[in-house]
Amino acid sequence: MAYKINDDCISCGACEAECPVSAISAGDSKFVIDDSACIDCGACAGVCPVGAPNPKD
């Protein structure tokens, strides 16, 4: 199951730098995760100051 970044994202970029497979990139209003590249490691969730990345339902 891939992670998804919710609307709490403040676009700080901490998650992008932490992703070991480069699945995270800047979107229009927040960072986004490429479902097909995400390996569900949770590294992004561990560094996000607002808890925006969460496991996708």
PDB file of N, CA and C in Angstrom:
ATOM      1  N   MET A   1       0.847  -1.187   0.000  1.00  0.00           N
ATOM      2  CA  MET A   1       0.000   0.000   0.000  1.00  0.00           C
ATOM      3  C   MET A   1       0.888   1.245   0.000  1.00  0.00           C
ATOM      4  N   ALA A   2       0.682   2.112  -0.922  1.00  0.00           N
ATOM      5  CA  ALA A   2       1.469   3.341  -1.039  1.00  0.00           C
ATOM      6  C   ALA A   2       1.017   4.379  -0.018  1.00  0.00           C
ATOM      7  N   TYR A   3       1.866   5.353   0.199  1.00  0.00           N
ATOM      8  CA  TYR A   3       1.516   6.482   1.056  1.00  0.00           C
ATOM      9  C   TYR A   3       0.898   7.583   0.201  1.00  0.00           C
ATOM     10  N   LYS A   4       0.161   8.465   0.839  1.00  0.00           N
ATOM     11  CA  LYS A   4      -0.442   9.621   0.180  1.00  0.00           C
ATOM     12  C   LYS A   4      -0.205  10.829   1.076  1.00  0.00           C
ATOM     13  N   ILE A   5       0.013  11.982   0.476  1.00  0.00           N
ATOM     14  CA  ILE A   5       0.210  13.208   1.240  1.00  0.00           C
ATOM     15  C   ILE A   5      -1.109  13.966   1.278  1.00  0.00           C
ATOM     16  N   ASN A   6      -1.577  14.242   2.491  1.00  0.00           N
ATOM     17  CA  ASN A   6      -2.876  14.914   2.623  1.00  0.00           C
ATOM     18  C   ASN A   6      -2.732  16.438   2.531  1.00  0.00           C
ATOM     19  N   ASP A   7      -3.838  17.130   2.676  1.00  0.00           N
ATOM     20  CA  ASP A   7      -3.876  18.584   2.507  1.00  0.00           C
ATOM     21  C   ASP A   7      -3.193  19.364   3.630  1.00  0.00           C
ATOM     22  N   ASP A   8      -2.712  18.676   4.670  1.00  0.00           N
ATOM     23  CA  ASP A   8      -1.979  19.353   5.742  1.00  0.00           C
ATOM     24  C   ASP A   8      -0.566  19.737   5.310  1.00  0.00           C
ATOM     25  N   CYS A   9      -0.128  19.236   4.157  1.00  0.00           N
ATOM     26  CA  CYS A   9       1.223  19.487   3.647  1.00  0.00           C
ATOM     27  C   CYS A   9       1.525  20.985   3.579  1.00  0.00           C
ATOM     28  N   ILE A  10       2.705  21.356   4.094  1.00  0.00           N
ATOM     29  CA  ILE A  10       3.133  22.760   4.071  1.00  0.00           C
ATOM     30  C   ILE A  10       4.239  22.990   3.030  1.00  0.00           C
ATOM     31  N   SER A  11       4.475  22.001   2.173  1.00  0.00           N
ATOM     32  CA  SER A  11       5.462  22.086   1.089  1.00  0.00           C
ATOM     33  C   SER A  11       6.866  22.420   1.565  1.00  0.00           C
ATOM     34  N   CYS A  12       7.282  21.812   2.690  1.00  0.00           N
ATOM     35  CA  CYS A  12       8.622  22.085   3.213  1.00  0.00           C
ATOM     36  C   CYS A  12       9.703  21.281   2.495  1.00  0.00           C
ATOM     37  N   GLY A  13       9.321  20.146   1.872  1.00  0.00           N
ATOM     38  CA  GLY A  13      10.270  19.345   1.119  1.00  0.00           C
ATOM     39  C   GLY A  13      11.030  18.306   1.921  1.00  0.00           C
ATOM     40  N   ALA A  14      10.785  18.216   3.209  1.00  0.00           N
ATOM     41  CA  ALA A  14      11.500  17.239   4.041  1.00  0.00           C
ATOM     42  C   ALA A  14      11.262  15.818   3.563  1.00  0.00           C
ATOM     43  N   CYS A  15      10.049  15.518   3.161  1.00  0.00           N
ATOM     44  CA  CYS A  15       9.703  14.168   2.709  1.00  0.00           C
ATOM     45  C   CYS A  15      10.405  13.811   1.409  1.00  0.00           C
ATOM     46  N   GLU A  16      10.500  14.749   0.503  1.00  0.00           N
ATOM     47  CA  GLU A  16      11.123  14.495  -0.797  1.00  0.00           C
ATOM     48  C   GLU A  16      12.576  14.076  -0.620  1.00  0.00           C
ATOM     49  N   ALA A  17      13.286  14.761   0.242  1.00  0.00           N
ATOM     50  CA  ALA A  17      14.698  14.460   0.479  1.00  0.00           C
ATOM     51  C   ALA A  17      14.886  13.110   1.166  1.00  0.00           C
ATOM     52  N   GLU A  18      13.916  12.668   1.920  1.00  0.00           N
ATOM     53  CA  GLU A  18      14.027  11.423   2.685  1.00  0.00           C
ATOM     54  C   GLU A  18      13.639  10.177   1.894  1.00  0.00           C
ATOM     55  N   CYS A  19      12.870  10.319   0.835  1.00  0.00           N
ATOM     56  CA  CYS A  19      12.363   9.172   0.075  1.00  0.00           C
ATOM     57  C   CYS A  19      13.511   8.415  -0.609  1.00  0.00           C
ATOM     58  N   PRO A  20      13.695   7.117  -0.282  1.00  0.00           N
ATOM     59  CA  PRO A  20      14.802   6.366  -0.858  1.00  0.00           C
ATOM     60  C   PRO A  20      14.621   5.981  -2.331  1.00  0.00           C
ATOM     61  N   VAL A  21      13.401   6.112  -2.849  1.00  0.00           N
ATOM     62  CA  VAL A  21      13.152   5.741  -4.248  1.00  0.00           C
ATOM     63  C   VAL A  21      12.702   6.924  -5.102  1.00  0.00           C
ATOM     64  N   SER A  22      12.831   8.122  -4.586  1.00  0.00           N
ATOM     65  CA  SER A  22      12.475   9.357  -5.301  1.00  0.00           C
ATOM     66  C   SER A  22      11.042   9.341  -5.825  1.00  0.00           C
ATOM     67  N   ALA A  23      10.107   8.858  -4.997  1.00  0.00           N
ATOM     68  CA  ALA A  23       8.700   8.785  -5.390  1.00  0.00           C
ATOM     69  C   ALA A  23       7.939  10.071  -5.083  1.00  0.00           C
ATOM     70  N   ILE A  24       8.581  11.020  -4.425  1.00  0.00           N
ATOM     71  CA  ILE A  24       7.909  12.249  -3.992  1.00  0.00           C
ATOM     72  C   ILE A  24       8.411  13.433  -4.810  1.00  0.00           C
ATOM     73  N   SER A  25       7.473  14.269  -5.242  1.00  0.00           N
ATOM     74  CA  SER A  25       7.830  15.468  -5.996  1.00  0.00           C
ATOM     75  C   SER A  25       6.875  16.598  -5.641  1.00  0.00           C
ATOM     76  N   ALA A  26       7.275  17.809  -5.998  1.00  0.00           N
ATOM     77  CA  ALA A  26       6.435  18.974  -5.731  1.00  0.00           C
ATOM     78  C   ALA A  26       5.256  18.993  -6.693  1.00  0.00           C
ATOM     79  N   GLY A  27       4.062  19.142  -6.146  1.00  0.00           N
ATOM     80  CA  GLY A  27       2.869  19.289  -6.964  1.00  0.00           C
ATOM     81  C   GLY A  27       2.483  20.751  -7.034  1.00  0.00           C
ATOM     82  N   ASP A  28       1.279  21.033  -7.477  1.00  0.00           N
ATOM     83  CA  ASP A  28       0.824  22.421  -7.593  1.00  0.00           C
ATOM     84  C   ASP A  28       0.691  23.116  -6.243  1.00  0.00           C
ATOM     85  N   SER A  29       0.041  22.446  -5.292  1.00  0.00           N
ATOM     86  CA  SER A  29      -0.191  23.081  -4.000  1.00  0.00           C
ATOM     87  C   SER A  29       0.400  22.315  -2.827  1.00  0.00           C
ATOM     88  N   LYS A  30       0.915  21.111  -3.084  1.00  0.00           N
ATOM     89  CA  LYS A  30       1.529  20.282  -2.044  1.00  0.00           C
ATOM     90  C   LYS A  30       2.406  19.240  -2.722  1.00  0.00           C
ATOM     91  N   PHE A  31       3.208  18.544  -1.942  1.00  0.00           N
ATOM     92  CA  PHE A  31       4.020  17.466  -2.493  1.00  0.00           C
ATOM     93  C   PHE A  31       3.117  16.270  -2.773  1.00  0.00           C
ATOM     94  N   VAL A  32       3.509  15.452  -3.745  1.00  0.00           N
ATOM     95  CA  VAL A  32       2.715  14.290  -4.133  1.00  0.00           C
ATOM     96  C   VAL A  32       3.615  13.055  -4.195  1.00  0.00           C
ATOM     97  N   ILE A  33       2.998  11.885  -4.011  1.00  0.00           N
ATOM     98  CA  ILE A  33       3.714  10.613  -4.047  1.00  0.00           C
ATOM     99  C   ILE A  33       3.239   9.810  -5.247  1.00  0.00           C
ATOM    100  N   ASP A  34       4.180   9.308  -6.031  1.00  0.00           N
ATOM    101  CA  ASP A  34       3.875   8.447  -7.175  1.00  0.00           C
ATOM    102  C   ASP A  34       3.553   7.052  -6.641  1.00  0.00           C
ATOM    103  N   ASP A  35       2.294   6.647  -6.739  1.00  0.00           N
ATOM    104  CA  ASP A  35       1.848   5.348  -6.223  1.00  0.00           C
ATOM    105  C   ASP A  35       2.661   4.187  -6.776  1.00  0.00           C
ATOM    106  N   SER A  36       3.022   4.260  -8.033  1.00  0.00           N
ATOM    107  CA  SER A  36       3.715   3.139  -8.660  1.00  0.00           C
ATOM    108  C   SER A  36       5.172   3.020  -8.211  1.00  0.00           C
ATOM    109  N   ALA A  37       5.737   4.080  -7.648  1.00  0.00           N
ATOM    110  CA  ALA A  37       7.126   4.053  -7.202  1.00  0.00           C
ATOM    111  C   ALA A  37       7.263   3.876  -5.683  1.00  0.00           C
ATOM    112  N   CYS A  38       6.242   4.234  -4.932  1.00  0.00           N
ATOM    113  CA  CYS A  38       6.285   4.168  -3.466  1.00  0.00           C
ATOM    114  C   CYS A  38       6.456   2.719  -3.010  1.00  0.00           C
ATOM    115  N   ILE A  39       7.398   2.502  -2.082  1.00  0.00           N
ATOM    116  CA  ILE A  39       7.644   1.156  -1.559  1.00  0.00           C
ATOM    117  C   ILE A  39       7.085   0.988  -0.148  1.00  0.00           C
ATOM    118  N   ASP A  40       6.265   1.922   0.301  1.00  0.00           N
ATOM    119  CA  ASP A  40       5.574   1.829   1.591  1.00  0.00           C
ATOM    120  C   ASP A  40       6.540   1.711   2.770  1.00  0.00           C
ATOM    121  N   CYS A  41       7.635   2.443   2.720  1.00  0.00           N
ATOM    122  CA  CYS A  41       8.619   2.354   3.792  1.00  0.00           C
ATOM    123  C   CYS A  41       8.293   3.283   4.962  1.00  0.00           C
ATOM    124  N   GLY A  42       7.533   4.358   4.706  1.00  0.00           N
ATOM    125  CA  GLY A  42       7.161   5.293   5.764  1.00  0.00           C
ATOM    126  C   GLY A  42       8.227   6.304   6.122  1.00  0.00           C
ATOM    127  N   ALA A  43       9.319   6.343   5.395  1.00  0.00           N
ATOM    128  CA  ALA A  43      10.389   7.296   5.697  1.00  0.00           C
ATOM    129  C   ALA A  43       9.871   8.734   5.650  1.00  0.00           C
ATOM    130  N   CYS A  44       8.984   9.015   4.710  1.00  0.00           N
ATOM    131  CA  CYS A  44       8.429  10.360   4.571  1.00  0.00           C
ATOM    132  C   CYS A  44       7.613  10.759   5.809  1.00  0.00           C
ATOM    133  N   ALA A  45       6.843   9.822   6.315  1.00  0.00           N
ATOM    134  CA  ALA A  45       6.005  10.093   7.480  1.00  0.00           C
ATOM    135  C   ALA A  45       6.854  10.396   8.707  1.00  0.00           C
ATOM    136  N   GLY A  46       8.019   9.764   8.787  1.00  0.00           N
ATOM    137  CA  GLY A  46       8.892   9.959   9.935  1.00  0.00           C
ATOM    138  C   GLY A  46       9.541  11.324  10.021  1.00  0.00           C
ATOM    139  N   VAL A  47       9.635  12.037   8.915  1.00  0.00           N
ATOM    140  CA  VAL A  47      10.296  13.352   8.923  1.00  0.00           C
ATOM    141  C   VAL A  47       9.335  14.521   8.745  1.00  0.00           C
ATOM    142  N   CYS A  48       8.097  14.257   8.411  1.00  0.00           N
ATOM    143  CA  CYS A  48       7.140  15.343   8.155  1.00  0.00           C
ATOM    144  C   CYS A  48       6.755  16.052   9.463  1.00  0.00           C
ATOM    145  N   PRO A  49       6.923  17.382   9.509  1.00  0.00           N
ATOM    146  CA  PRO A  49       6.603  18.120  10.740  1.00  0.00           C
ATOM    147  C   PRO A  49       5.104  18.252  11.013  1.00  0.00           C
ATOM    148  N   VAL A  50       4.269  17.992  10.007  1.00  0.00           N
ATOM    149  CA  VAL A  50       2.818  18.130  10.207  1.00  0.00           C
ATOM    150  C   VAL A  50       2.060  16.817  10.014  1.00  0.00           C
ATOM    151  N   GLY A  51       2.763  15.724   9.785  1.00  0.00           N
ATOM    152  CA  GLY A  51       2.120  14.424   9.641  1.00  0.00           C
ATOM    153  C   GLY A  51       1.279  14.263   8.390  1.00  0.00           C
ATOM    154  N   ALA A  52       1.669  14.900   7.304  1.00  0.00           N
ATOM    155  CA  ALA A  52       0.876  14.850   6.071  1.00  0.00           C
ATOM    156  C   ALA A  52       0.922  13.514   5.345  1.00  0.00           C
ATOM    157  N   PRO A  53       2.060  12.804   5.286  1.00  0.00           N
ATOM    158  CA  PRO A  53       2.059  11.511   4.606  1.00  0.00           C
ATOM    159  C   PRO A  53       1.390  10.433   5.467  1.00  0.00           C
ATOM    160  N   ASN A  54       0.470   9.697   4.864  1.00  0.00           N
ATOM    161  CA  ASN A  54      -0.230   8.624   5.556  1.00  0.00           C
ATOM    162  C   ASN A  54      -0.429   7.452   4.612  1.00  0.00           C
ATOM    163  N   PRO A  55      -0.544   6.230   5.187  1.00  0.00           N
ATOM    164  CA  PRO A  55      -0.828   5.082   4.312  1.00  0.00           C
ATOM    165  C   PRO A  55      -2.125   5.310   3.561  1.00  0.00           C
ATOM    166  N   LYS A  56      -2.111   5.015   2.284  1.00  0.00           N
ATOM    167  CA  LYS A  56      -3.291   5.209   1.431  1.00  0.00           C
ATOM    168  C   LYS A  56      -4.325   4.128   1.751  1.00  0.00           C
ATOM    169  N   ASP A  57      -5.564   4.525   1.829  1.00  0.00           N
ATOM    170  CA  ASP A  57      -6.637   3.564   2.123  1.00  0.00           C
ATOM    171  C   ASP A  57      -6.951   2.697   0.940  1.00  0.00           C
TER     172      ASP A  57
END
